Amino acid sequence: MVLWVKDSGIGITKQDYRLVLTPFGQVKSSILKTASVTGLGLPLARSLTEMNGGSLTFTSEVGVGSTFTVRLPKASVTQSDTN
């Protein structure tokens, strides 16, 4: 299963890729000066994905936004009856 999430946010520089995947890692940005962030969203998403045998990757361009991709193996995806 592949899930894509795309945003039109401020973007992430390539040198900050590792930082945003580190728990409590926060990128310094004048745009985010007033934002209240913990730096846990991406590390948590990556950990949960990896715990289920998957992977989380992303690409980003400053001023354009980011695309996040979660890939999960078939064995970890179940189908439920929603009737």
C-alpha atoms as a PDB file:
ATOM      1  CA  MET A   1       0.000   0.000   0.000  1.00  0.00           C
ATOM      2  CA  VAL A   2       1.310   3.437  -0.880  1.00  0.00           C
ATOM      3  CA  LEU A   3      -0.032   6.638   0.656  1.00  0.00           C
ATOM      4  CA  TRP A   4       1.014  10.107  -0.501  1.00  0.00           C
ATOM      5  CA  VAL A   5       0.470  13.292   1.450  1.00  0.00           C
ATOM      6  CA  LYS A   6       1.248  16.536  -0.298  1.00  0.00           C
ATOM      7  CA  ASP A   7       1.274  19.990   1.236  1.00  0.00           C
ATOM      8  CA  SER A   8       1.913  23.508   0.015  1.00  0.00           C
ATOM      9  CA  GLY A   9       3.741  24.593   3.152  1.00  0.00           C
ATOM     10  CA  ILE A  10       7.074  26.388   3.489  1.00  0.00           C
ATOM     11  CA  GLY A  11       9.074  23.349   2.419  1.00  0.00           C
ATOM     12  CA  ILE A  12      12.190  21.777   3.909  1.00  0.00           C
ATOM     13  CA  THR A  13      15.754  22.351   2.751  1.00  0.00           C
ATOM     14  CA  LYS A  14      17.790  19.243   1.898  1.00  0.00           C
ATOM     15  CA  GLN A  15      20.228  20.008   4.722  1.00  0.00           C
ATOM     16  CA  ASP A  16      17.288  19.877   7.184  1.00  0.00           C
ATOM     17  CA  TYR A  17      15.909  16.493   6.036  1.00  0.00           C
ATOM     18  CA  ARG A  18      17.728  14.583   8.786  1.00  0.00           C
ATOM     19  CA  LEU A  19      16.785  17.141  11.448  1.00  0.00           C
ATOM     20  CA  VAL A  20      13.029  16.956  10.791  1.00  0.00           C
ATOM     21  CA  LEU A  21      13.139  13.165  11.186  1.00  0.00           C
ATOM     22  CA  THR A  22      14.832  13.471  14.607  1.00  0.00           C
ATOM     23  CA  PRO A  23      12.524  13.565  17.650  1.00  0.00           C
ATOM     24  CA  PHE A  24      12.091  17.158  18.815  1.00  0.00           C
ATOM     25  CA  GLY A  25      14.115  18.372  15.825  1.00  0.00           C
ATOM     26  CA  GLN A  26      12.906  21.794  14.778  1.00  0.00           C
ATOM     27  CA  VAL A  27      14.012  23.760  11.752  1.00  0.00           C
ATOM     28  CA  LYS A  28      14.720  27.402  12.508  1.00  0.00           C
ATOM     29  CA  SER A  29      12.588  29.583  10.264  1.00  0.00           C
ATOM     30  CA  SER A  30      11.400  33.162  10.432  1.00  0.00           C
ATOM     31  CA  ILE A  31       8.052  31.937   9.133  1.00  0.00           C
ATOM     32  CA  LEU A  32       7.662  29.572  12.082  1.00  0.00           C
ATOM     33  CA  LYS A  33       8.759  32.011  14.807  1.00  0.00           C
ATOM     34  CA  THR A  34       5.276  32.207  16.271  1.00  0.00           C
ATOM     35  CA  ALA A  35       4.243  28.607  15.569  1.00  0.00           C
ATOM     36  CA  SER A  36       4.035  26.191  18.468  1.00  0.00           C
ATOM     37  CA  VAL A  37       5.612  22.955  17.237  1.00  0.00           C
ATOM     38  CA  THR A  38       7.069  19.970  19.075  1.00  0.00           C
ATOM     39  CA  GLY A  39       9.048  18.336  16.298  1.00  0.00           C
ATOM     40  CA  LEU A  40       7.382  14.964  16.835  1.00  0.00           C
ATOM     41  CA  GLY A  41       5.037  14.549  13.851  1.00  0.00           C
ATOM     42  CA  LEU A  42       7.432  13.188  11.242  1.00  0.00           C
ATOM     43  CA  PRO A  43       9.550  11.093  13.640  1.00  0.00           C
ATOM     44  CA  LEU A  44       6.381   9.525  15.055  1.00  0.00           C
ATOM     45  CA  ALA A  45       4.943   8.836  11.594  1.00  0.00           C
ATOM     46  CA  ARG A  46       8.233   7.276  10.495  1.00  0.00           C
ATOM     47  CA  SER A  47       8.487   5.106  13.636  1.00  0.00           C
ATOM     48  CA  LEU A  48       4.918   3.831  13.316  1.00  0.00           C
ATOM     49  CA  THR A  49       5.447   3.105   9.629  1.00  0.00           C
ATOM     50  CA  GLU A  50       8.692   1.227  10.279  1.00  0.00           C
ATOM     51  CA  MET A  51       7.096  -0.744  13.146  1.00  0.00           C
ATOM     52  CA  ASN A  52       4.679  -2.080  10.533  1.00  0.00           C
ATOM     53  CA  GLY A  53       7.459  -3.040   8.118  1.00  0.00           C
ATOM     54  CA  GLY A  54       7.110   0.028   5.920  1.00  0.00           C
ATOM     55  CA  SER A  55       9.026   3.130   5.010  1.00  0.00           C
ATOM     56  CA  LEU A  56       8.438   6.869   5.026  1.00  0.00           C
ATOM     57  CA  THR A  57      10.218   9.081   2.524  1.00  0.00           C
ATOM     58  CA  PHE A  58       9.701  12.619   1.344  1.00  0.00           C
ATOM     59  CA  THR A  59      10.759  15.258  -1.112  1.00  0.00           C
ATOM     60  CA  SER A  60      10.477  18.939  -0.489  1.00  0.00           C
ATOM     61  CA  GLU A  61      11.151  22.277  -2.126  1.00  0.00           C
ATOM     62  CA  VAL A  62      11.412  25.483  -0.126  1.00  0.00           C
ATOM     63  CA  GLY A  63       8.567  27.840  -0.973  1.00  0.00           C
ATOM     64  CA  VAL A  64       6.657  25.107  -2.816  1.00  0.00           C
ATOM     65  CA  GLY A  65       5.856  22.363  -0.310  1.00  0.00           C
ATOM     66  CA  SER A  66       6.506  18.713   0.421  1.00  0.00           C
ATOM     67  CA  THR A  67       5.332  15.283  -0.653  1.00  0.00           C
ATOM     68  CA  PHE A  68       5.477  12.489   1.919  1.00  0.00           C
ATOM     69  CA  THR A  69       5.231   8.849   0.873  1.00  0.00           C
ATOM     70  CA  VAL A  70       4.370   5.963   3.201  1.00  0.00           C
ATOM     71  CA  ARG A  71       4.862   2.452   1.853  1.00  0.00           C
ATOM     72  CA  LEU A  72       3.455  -0.504   3.789  1.00  0.00           C
ATOM     73  CA  PRO A  73       3.866  -4.178   2.897  1.00  0.00           C
ATOM     74  CA  LYS A  74       0.754  -6.100   1.984  1.00  0.00           C
ATOM     75  CA  ALA A  75       1.099  -8.244   5.123  1.00  0.00           C
ATOM     76  CA  SER A  76       0.597  -5.223   7.389  1.00  0.00           C
ATOM     77  CA  VAL A  77      -2.498  -3.916   5.583  1.00  0.00           C
ATOM     78  CA  THR A  78      -5.835  -5.478   6.471  1.00  0.00           C
ATOM     79  CA  GLN A  79      -9.186  -4.999   4.866  1.00  0.00           C
ATOM     80  CA  SER A  80     -12.144  -4.398   7.147  1.00  0.00           C
ATOM     81  CA  ASP A  81     -15.816  -4.779   6.406  1.00  0.00           C
ATOM     82  CA  THR A  82     -17.442  -1.368   6.811  1.00  0.00           C
ATOM     83  CA  ASN A  83     -21.044  -2.522   6.319  1.00  0.00           C
END
